[in-house]
């Protein structure tokens, strides 16, 4: 499970580090918004604490920052 979370951390970093392709106007805006959502999603999962309870994988994500 720790390796799984590390992969999400690596994905978040890859999204942050990648450049913006040569897009203009609305296409550029859509690309940037998608990258921001990807980073947010990946970093949320990467920051989760995990446990197994009653045969279920539980991911706990702190909302306090």
Protein backbone atom coordinates (compact mmCIF):
# COMPACT_ATOMS: atom_id res chain seq x y z
CA UNK A 1 0.00 0.00 0.00
CA UNK A 2 2.85 2.39 0.75
CA UNK A 3 4.22 1.81 -2.77
CA UNK A 4 0.76 2.59 -4.17
CA UNK A 5 0.69 5.92 -2.33
CA UNK A 6 4.25 6.68 -3.45
CA UNK A 7 3.17 6.19 -7.07
CA UNK A 8 0.42 8.77 -6.58
CA UNK A 9 2.97 11.16 -5.09
CA UNK A 10 5.19 10.63 -8.14
CA UNK A 11 2.21 11.24 -10.44
CA UNK A 12 1.38 14.47 -8.64
CA UNK A 13 4.98 15.64 -9.00
CA UNK A 14 5.03 14.69 -12.68
CA UNK A 15 1.91 16.78 -13.30
CA UNK A 16 3.48 19.71 -11.48
CA UNK A 17 6.79 19.38 -13.36
CA UNK A 18 5.47 18.89 -16.89
CA UNK A 19 5.43 21.80 -19.22
CA UNK A 20 2.48 23.25 -21.03
CA UNK A 21 2.34 22.25 -24.68
CA UNK A 22 2.06 25.03 -27.25
CA UNK A 23 -1.66 25.62 -26.93
CA UNK A 24 -3.56 28.85 -27.34
CA UNK A 25 -6.74 30.32 -26.00
CA UNK A 26 -9.43 27.97 -24.72
CA UNK A 27 -7.32 24.83 -25.32
CA UNK A 28 -4.57 26.22 -23.06
CA UNK A 29 -7.11 27.06 -20.36
CA UNK A 30 -8.65 23.56 -20.53
CA UNK A 31 -5.19 21.92 -20.36
CA UNK A 32 -4.16 23.97 -17.30
CA UNK A 33 -7.46 23.31 -15.50
CA UNK A 34 -7.09 19.57 -16.17
CA UNK A 35 -3.53 19.58 -14.86
CA UNK A 36 -4.63 21.40 -11.70
CA UNK A 37 -7.37 18.80 -11.10
CA UNK A 38 -4.94 15.94 -11.75
CA UNK A 39 -2.42 17.38 -9.30
CA UNK A 40 -5.09 17.89 -6.65
CA UNK A 41 -6.48 14.36 -7.06
CA UNK A 42 -3.07 12.66 -7.04
CA UNK A 43 -1.79 14.67 -4.09
CA UNK A 44 -4.92 13.91 -2.06
CA UNK A 45 -4.44 10.17 -2.49
CA UNK A 46 -0.68 10.46 -1.90
CA UNK A 47 -1.26 12.17 1.45
CA UNK A 48 -3.71 9.56 2.74
CA UNK A 49 -3.15 7.41 5.79
CA UNK A 50 -4.38 3.89 5.32
CA UNK A 51 -5.59 0.94 7.32
CA UNK A 52 -7.47 -2.29 6.79
CA UNK A 53 -10.65 -2.62 8.84
CA UNK A 54 -13.03 -5.56 8.59
CA UNK A 55 -11.45 -6.55 5.28
CA UNK A 56 -11.83 -3.07 3.78
CA UNK A 57 -9.05 -0.75 2.76
CA UNK A 58 -9.62 2.61 4.44
CA UNK A 59 -7.92 5.74 3.13
CA UNK A 60 -8.05 8.69 5.53
CA UNK A 61 -7.37 12.12 4.09
CA UNK A 62 -6.90 15.01 6.49
CA UNK A 63 -9.02 18.05 5.66
CA UNK A 64 -7.13 20.29 8.08
CA UNK A 65 -4.35 21.13 5.66
